[in-house]
Amino acid sequence: MKTLLWKILICLSLIMQLVSCQKHPRDVVSKYYSKGEFNGSVLIVNNGRIVCDTALGFRNFEKGLKTDKNTSFYIASLSKPFTAAAIIMLEQKGLLKFDDKASRFITLPEYARNITIRQLLHHTSGIRDYENLFSKRGLTNQEVINWLFDLKNLDFVPDSKFKYSNTGYIVLSLIIEKVSGRSYSTFINEQIITPLKMNNTYVYEPGTVIHNRALGYNEQKQPDDYSILTTGDGGIYSTPEDLYKFDQALRNNSFINKENISMMYSPFQLSDGQISNYGFAWYIENKNGEKSAMHTGGLDGFKALFWRDLEHNSCIIALTNQRDAFPPHHFLHDIKKTIQ
């Protein structure tokens, strides 16, 4: 009888281990990698505990150079939370106000002279997004601003709707430079990257050397590398580990006070009473009293995912240099089931 009971307990233990294994985030990541849907680096934190920290695949397919945890990936629109943080820091120093007109600081076309910093942060300014209309290798912020002067009007009346605008965050980058008296790169480095010891994070500009940089590829592993030079809307390379340091700094109010953190994660009410789910550079979800903030990024051969559970100190960070192969929302759904 004791022998039979012992065997049953062993079987139950093995079953529980198998079930647990199937639910572990590492298994989900491995599954996406084995299917050819993920090539890159992942960091997953559950209730303040790192449960997955891994790098899979290659940062350079032609040379067979493997990705490691210090490989820097282009994070595209995940740069926007850095831009928003910089604007908030300038507001805390009393150097600007969220409801200041952007035209107070930089020259804009007549039709855009009344849009505010707050509207730019929320993507409710009506300023047109350049990304789907034109792009070229080496594109700069000034070229985007020059393009605005070729237009005749805004896309819509400010605050009447939410419409994602990379152009708006380029304007914010130029405001940061004007108000701080430093380049965007210098300001982000001095105020965020260096203090947080984000040693593998770089604002990309001509001459920037990133020794362990991932090159971008399409789904067929053909080169599709990052090729423009705008900042504010993008322009940053980073790693999951460094982005986690940024996450923790926001949670701990290291450089942004509680009042502004609350504003950062607050959805915006449009002029018709509808609620936009975008705060200051974060998509906000409030489900069953559980609040989360998320942003993705994608350009050329890169795609990035950053999801943050604001209640339980959990986050999911995934960076890939094979953009078209990676389905971020499916990946997020599958990972969330393992940590919730």
Protein backbone atom coordinates (compact mmCIF):
# COMPACT_ATOMS: atom_id res chain seq x y z
CA MET A 1 0.00 0.00 0.00
CA LYS A 2 2.81 2.40 0.93
CA THR A 3 4.63 1.55 -2.32
CA LEU A 4 1.49 2.30 -4.37
CA LEU A 5 0.92 5.58 -2.51
CA TRP A 6 4.52 6.55 -3.09
CA LYS A 7 4.22 5.85 -6.82
CA ILE A 8 1.06 7.94 -7.00
CA LEU A 9 2.79 10.84 -5.26
CA ILE A 10 5.74 10.63 -7.65
CA CYS A 11 3.39 10.61 -10.66
CA LEU A 12 1.48 13.61 -9.31
CA SER A 13 4.76 15.44 -8.71
CA LEU A 14 5.90 14.76 -12.28
CA ILE A 15 2.56 15.92 -13.67
CA MET A 16 2.74 19.12 -11.64
CA GLN A 17 6.28 19.75 -12.87
CA LEU A 18 5.20 19.26 -16.48
CA VAL A 19 2.24 21.59 -16.08
CA SER A 20 4.45 24.17 -14.40
CA CYS A 21 7.04 23.81 -17.17
CA GLN A 22 4.43 24.37 -19.84
CA LYS A 23 3.37 27.57 -18.10
CA HIS A 24 6.85 29.01 -17.69
CA PRO A 25 7.67 32.14 -19.72
CA ARG A 26 10.90 30.56 -20.98
CA ASP A 27 8.91 27.87 -22.73
CA VAL A 28 6.78 30.44 -24.53
CA VAL A 29 9.89 32.34 -25.66
CA SER A 30 11.53 29.09 -26.84
CA LYS A 31 8.37 28.19 -28.74
CA TYR A 32 8.39 31.47 -30.66
CA TYR A 33 12.10 31.11 -31.36
CA SER A 34 11.76 27.51 -32.62
CA LYS A 35 8.93 28.58 -34.94
CA GLY A 36 11.14 31.30 -36.42
CA GLU A 37 8.93 34.05 -34.99
CA PHE A 38 11.45 35.56 -32.59
CA ASN A 39 15.11 36.47 -32.87
CA GLY A 40 16.31 38.75 -30.11
CA SER A 41 16.35 39.40 -26.39
CA VAL A 42 13.67 39.07 -23.68
CA LEU A 43 13.32 40.06 -20.02
CA ILE A 44 10.23 39.08 -18.04
CA VAL A 45 9.60 40.14 -14.44
CA ASN A 46 6.80 38.78 -12.26
CA ASN A 47 6.02 40.57 -8.99
CA GLY A 48 9.51 42.05 -8.85
CA ARG A 49 11.27 38.75 -9.62
CA ILE A 50 13.05 38.11 -12.91
CA VAL A 51 11.61 34.88 -14.33
CA CYS A 52 13.10 35.00 -17.82
CA ASP A 53 16.21 36.78 -19.06
CA THR A 54 17.45 35.36 -22.32
CA ALA A 55 18.86 36.15 -25.75
CA LEU A 56 18.25 33.93 -28.76
CA GLY A 57 19.46 33.97 -32.34
CA PHE A 58 21.83 36.32 -34.13
CA ARG A 59 22.57 40.02 -34.11
CA ASN A 60 24.29 39.59 -37.47
CA PHE A 61 23.16 36.69 -39.63
CA GLU A 62 25.79 37.18 -42.37
CA LYS A 63 28.69 36.96 -39.93
CA GLY A 64 27.04 34.43 -37.60
CA LEU A 65 27.36 36.77 -34.60
CA LYS A 66 25.07 35.62 -31.82
CA THR A 67 22.81 37.89 -29.81
CA ASP A 68 23.62 38.23 -26.11
CA LYS A 69 22.02 40.11 -23.22
CA ASN A 70 24.16 43.18 -23.92
CA THR A 71 23.23 43.41 -27.59
CA SER A 72 21.62 46.77 -28.34
CA PHE A 73 18.49 46.80 -30.49
CA TYR A 74 16.83 49.74 -32.15
CA ILE A 75 13.67 50.34 -30.10
CA ALA A 76 11.86 52.72 -32.49
CA SER A 77 8.78 54.22 -30.77
CA LEU A 78 9.81 52.89 -27.36
CA SER A 79 11.94 56.04 -27.48
CA LYS A 80 8.79 58.13 -26.94
CA PRO A 81 8.60 57.41 -23.17
CA PHE A 82 12.14 58.82 -22.90
CA THR A 83 11.05 61.96 -24.75
CA ALA A 84 8.00 62.34 -22.50
CA ALA A 85 10.15 61.82 -19.40
CA ALA A 86 12.54 64.55 -20.58
CA ILE A 87 9.66 66.99 -21.12
CA ILE A 88 8.32 66.21 -17.65
CA MET A 89 11.73 66.79 -16.09
CA LEU A 90 11.91 70.21 -17.74
CA GLU A 91 8.41 70.97 -16.42
CA GLN A 92 9.52 70.02 -12.91
CA LYS A 93 12.41 72.48 -13.24
CA GLY A 94 9.90 75.21 -14.10
CA LEU A 95 11.32 75.66 -17.61
CA LEU A 96 8.05 74.92 -19.40
CA LYS A 97 4.40 74.07 -18.76
CA PHE A 98 2.40 71.30 -20.37
CA ASP A 99 -0.16 73.80 -21.66
CA ASP A 100 2.46 76.08 -23.20
CA LYS A 101 2.17 76.49 -26.95
CA ALA A 102 4.91 74.61 -28.79
CA SER A 103 5.41 77.71 -30.94
CA ARG A 104 6.66 79.54 -27.85
CA PHE A 105 9.86 77.52 -28.17
CA ILE A 106 10.30 76.63 -31.84
CA THR A 107 9.12 78.02 -35.17
CA LEU A 108 6.10 76.18 -36.56
CA PRO A 109 3.76 76.88 -39.49
CA GLU A 110 0.97 79.38 -38.84
CA TYR A 111 -1.67 76.64 -38.81
CA ALA A 112 0.14 74.86 -35.94
CA ARG A 113 0.99 77.87 -33.78
CA ASN A 114 -1.63 77.11 -31.09
CA ILE A 115 -0.92 73.40 -30.46
CA THR A 116 0.31 72.69 -26.95
CA ILE A 117 2.97 70.47 -25.43
CA ARG A 118 0.25 68.46 -23.70
CA GLN A 119 -1.51 67.82 -27.01
CA LEU A 120 1.76 66.67 -28.56
CA LEU A 121 2.34 64.26 -25.68
CA HIS A 122 -1.18 62.83 -26.02
CA HIS A 123 -1.15 62.65 -29.86
CA THR A 124 -4.18 64.95 -29.95
CA SER A 125 -2.52 67.99 -31.58
CA GLY A 126 -3.67 67.25 -35.13
CA ILE A 127 -0.14 67.63 -36.48
CA ARG A 128 0.36 65.23 -39.37
CA ASP A 129 2.42 62.07 -39.10
CA TYR A 130 5.28 62.03 -41.58
CA GLU A 131 6.12 58.34 -41.36
CA ASN A 132 3.52 56.94 -43.75
CA LEU A 133 3.79 59.87 -46.15
CA PHE A 134 7.49 60.15 -46.83
CA SER A 135 10.78 58.80 -45.61
CA LYS A 136 14.33 58.58 -46.84
CA ARG A 137 17.68 57.37 -45.63
CA GLY A 138 19.29 59.83 -43.24
CA LEU A 139 16.03 61.73 -42.64
CA THR A 140 16.51 64.43 -39.97
CA ASN A 141 14.24 66.35 -37.61
CA GLN A 142 14.75 69.58 -39.55
CA GLU A 143 13.68 67.93 -42.79
CA VAL A 144 10.45 66.82 -41.11
CA ILE A 145 9.84 70.38 -39.85
CA ASN A 146 10.51 71.75 -43.35
CA TRP A 147 7.92 69.29 -44.66
CA LEU A 148 5.36 70.69 -42.21
CA PHE A 149 5.79 74.09 -43.81
CA ASP A 150 4.76 72.57 -47.16
CA LEU A 151 1.38 71.61 -45.68
CA LYS A 152 -1.62 73.88 -45.33
CA ASN A 153 -3.41 72.70 -42.19
CA LEU A 154 -3.67 70.27 -39.30
CA ASP A 155 -5.23 66.86 -39.72
CA PHE A 156 -8.03 67.75 -37.28
CA VAL A 157 -9.03 70.24 -34.62
CA PRO A 158 -6.72 69.75 -31.59
CA ASP A 159 -8.16 67.53 -28.84
CA SER A 160 -11.03 66.37 -31.06
CA LYS A 161 -9.43 62.97 -31.65
CA PHE A 162 -6.41 60.78 -30.97
CA LYS A 163 -4.16 60.13 -33.95
CA TYR A 164 -0.66 58.80 -33.51
CA SER A 165 1.93 61.28 -34.77
CA ASN A 166 5.66 60.66 -34.89
CA THR A 167 6.00 64.25 -36.09
CA GLY A 168 4.58 65.48 -32.79
CA TYR A 169 7.35 63.78 -30.84
CA ILE A 170 9.98 65.25 -33.16
CA VAL A 171 8.57 68.66 -32.22
CA LEU A 172 8.92 67.67 -28.55
CA SER A 173 12.56 66.69 -29.18
CA LEU A 174 13.26 70.14 -30.62
CA ILE A 175 11.56 71.77 -27.61
CA ILE A 176 13.80 69.75 -25.29
CA GLU A 177 16.84 71.04 -27.17
CA LYS A 178 15.64 74.65 -27.14
CA VAL A 179 14.70 74.71 -23.46
CA SER A 180 17.69 72.75 -22.13
CA GLY A 181 20.30 74.29 -24.40
CA ARG A 182 21.61 70.78 -25.12
CA SER A 183 21.14 68.35 -27.97
CA TYR A 184 18.46 65.72 -27.46
CA SER A 185 21.17 63.07 -27.27
CA THR A 186 23.16 64.96 -24.64
CA PHE A 187 20.11 65.69 -22.50
CA ILE A 188 18.84 62.08 -22.52
CA ASN A 189 22.34 60.82 -21.75
CA GLU A 190 22.96 63.26 -18.89
CA GLN A 191 19.53 63.06 -17.28
CA ILE A 192 18.45 59.45 -17.82
CA ILE A 193 20.93 57.04 -19.41
CA THR A 194 24.03 57.85 -17.33
CA PRO A 195 22.32 58.23 -13.91
CA LEU A 196 20.50 54.92 -14.39
CA LYS A 197 23.68 53.20 -15.63
CA MET A 198 21.98 52.10 -18.82
CA ASN A 199 25.33 51.09 -20.23
CA ASN A 200 24.05 49.61 -23.48
CA THR A 201 21.61 52.39 -24.39
CA TYR A 202 22.44 54.96 -27.05
CA VAL A 203 20.74 57.86 -28.77
CA TYR A 204 21.80 57.24 -32.35
CA GLU A 205 23.36 60.09 -34.31
CA PRO A 206 26.07 60.31 -36.99
CA GLY A 207 29.30 58.90 -35.63
CA THR A 208 27.68 56.84 -32.86
CA VAL A 209 29.59 53.56 -32.37
CA ILE A 210 27.66 50.63 -30.90
CA HIS A 211 30.03 47.67 -30.78
CA ASN A 212 27.41 45.05 -29.90
CA ARG A 213 24.64 46.39 -32.14
CA ALA A 214 21.99 44.22 -33.73
CA LEU A 215 21.44 44.72 -37.46
CA GLY A 216 17.87 44.72 -38.75
CA TYR A 217 16.38 42.02 -41.00
CA ASN A 218 13.08 41.07 -42.59
CA GLU A 219 11.27 37.77 -42.18
CA GLN A 220 13.48 36.16 -44.85
CA LYS A 221 16.61 37.29 -42.94
CA GLN A 222 17.46 39.82 -45.62
CA PRO A 223 19.07 43.08 -44.39
CA ASP A 224 16.60 45.83 -43.45
CA ASP A 225 18.62 48.00 -41.11
CA TYR A 226 17.70 51.27 -39.39
CA SER A 227 18.48 54.17 -41.70
CA ILE A 228 17.02 57.51 -40.50
CA LEU A 229 18.25 60.10 -38.01
CA THR A 230 15.18 61.58 -36.36
CA THR A 231 14.96 61.87 -32.59
CA GLY A 232 12.09 62.18 -30.15
CA ASP A 233 9.89 59.77 -32.08
CA GLY A 234 12.65 57.16 -32.18
CA GLY A 235 16.42 57.13 -32.46
CA ILE A 236 17.34 55.03 -29.40
CA TYR A 237 19.07 51.65 -29.15
CA SER A 238 18.75 49.68 -25.92
CA THR A 239 18.53 46.30 -24.21
CA PRO A 240 15.80 44.68 -22.09
CA GLU A 241 17.98 44.99 -19.00
CA ASP A 242 18.44 48.72 -19.52
CA LEU A 243 14.74 49.24 -20.21
CA TYR A 244 14.00 47.45 -16.94
CA LYS A 245 16.22 49.99 -15.16
CA PHE A 246 14.09 52.72 -16.74
CA ASP A 247 10.94 50.90 -15.61
CA GLN A 248 12.18 50.74 -12.03
CA ALA A 249 13.19 54.41 -12.02
CA LEU A 250 9.65 55.37 -13.05
CA ARG A 251 8.15 53.14 -10.34
CA ASN A 252 10.46 54.56 -7.68
CA ASN A 253 9.97 58.23 -8.65
CA SER A 254 13.71 58.51 -9.18
CA PHE A 255 13.43 61.52 -11.50
CA ILE A 256 9.70 62.10 -11.98
CA ASN A 257 7.50 63.03 -9.02
CA LYS A 258 4.34 61.18 -8.03
CA GLU A 259 2.00 63.84 -9.39
CA ASN A 260 3.53 63.69 -12.84
CA ILE A 261 3.77 59.90 -12.78
CA SER A 262 0.02 59.84 -12.14
CA MET A 263 -0.51 62.21 -15.07
CA MET A 264 1.74 60.07 -17.27
CA TYR A 265 -0.57 57.09 -16.74
CA SER A 266 -3.85 59.01 -17.04
CA PRO A 267 -5.98 58.59 -20.19
CA PHE A 268 -7.00 61.82 -21.90
CA GLN A 269 -10.56 63.07 -22.35
CA LEU A 270 -11.22 64.34 -25.87
CA SER A 271 -13.38 67.39 -26.58
CA ASP A 272 -16.42 65.18 -27.37
CA GLY A 273 -16.14 63.44 -24.00
CA GLN A 274 -14.61 60.21 -25.31
CA ILE A 275 -11.55 58.84 -23.55
CA SER A 276 -8.27 58.23 -25.33
CA ASN A 277 -6.31 55.39 -23.75
CA TYR A 278 -2.98 57.16 -24.30
CA GLY A 279 -1.29 59.04 -21.46
CA PHE A 280 2.13 60.66 -21.74
CA ALA A 281 3.81 58.18 -24.13
CA TRP A 282 2.10 55.09 -22.72
CA TYR A 283 -1.00 53.19 -23.81
CA ILE A 284 -3.05 52.71 -20.65
CA GLU A 285 -5.34 49.81 -19.79
CA ASN A 286 -7.43 49.62 -16.62
CA LYS A 287 -9.04 46.20 -16.42
CA ASN A 288 -10.80 44.97 -13.30
CA GLY A 289 -8.95 47.57 -11.27
CA GLU A 290 -5.58 46.37 -12.58
CA LYS A 291 -3.69 49.12 -14.39
CA SER A 292 -1.02 48.52 -17.01
CA ALA A 293 1.04 50.69 -19.36
CA MET A 294 2.40 49.55 -22.69
CA HIS A 295 4.23 50.78 -25.75
CA THR A 296 5.50 49.07 -28.87
CA GLY A 297 7.92 50.17 -31.51
CA GLY A 298 8.69 49.06 -35.03
CA LEU A 299 10.74 50.35 -37.94
CA ASP A 300 12.74 48.69 -40.70
CA GLY A 301 13.92 45.31 -39.36
CA PHE A 302 13.23 46.05 -35.70
CA LYS A 303 10.26 45.57 -33.39
CA ALA A 304 10.01 46.24 -29.66
CA LEU A 305 7.48 45.46 -26.93
CA PHE A 306 7.36 46.94 -23.42
CA TRP A 307 4.39 45.99 -21.20
CA ARG A 308 4.25 47.06 -17.54
CA ASP A 309 1.84 45.90 -14.83
CA LEU A 310 1.68 49.01 -12.68
CA GLU A 311 0.08 47.25 -9.71
CA HIS A 312 2.39 44.25 -9.26
CA ASN A 313 5.83 45.36 -10.45
CA SER A 314 5.71 43.01 -13.42
CA CYS A 315 6.86 43.69 -16.95
CA ILE A 316 7.46 42.03 -20.29
CA ILE A 317 10.21 43.39 -22.55
CA ALA A 318 11.01 41.87 -25.94
CA LEU A 319 13.33 43.30 -28.60
CA THR A 320 13.84 41.71 -32.00
CA ASN A 321 15.86 42.48 -35.12
CA GLN A 322 13.62 40.39 -37.38
CA ARG A 323 10.55 42.59 -37.34
CA ASP A 324 8.13 40.98 -39.79
CA ALA A 325 8.50 37.56 -38.18
CA PHE A 326 7.45 38.70 -34.70
CA PRO A 327 3.76 38.98 -33.68
CA PRO A 328 4.05 41.16 -30.53
CA HIS A 329 0.42 41.07 -29.41
CA HIS A 330 0.17 37.28 -29.67
CA PHE A 331 3.48 36.99 -27.83
CA LEU A 332 2.27 39.35 -25.10
CA HIS A 333 -0.98 37.41 -24.71
CA ASP A 334 0.87 34.10 -24.36
CA ILE A 335 3.44 35.45 -21.89
CA LYS A 336 0.84 37.19 -19.73
CA LYS A 337 -0.92 33.86 -19.18
CA THR A 338 2.26 32.54 -17.54
CA ILE A 339 2.64 35.34 -15.00
CA GLN A 340 -0.93 36.30 -14.08
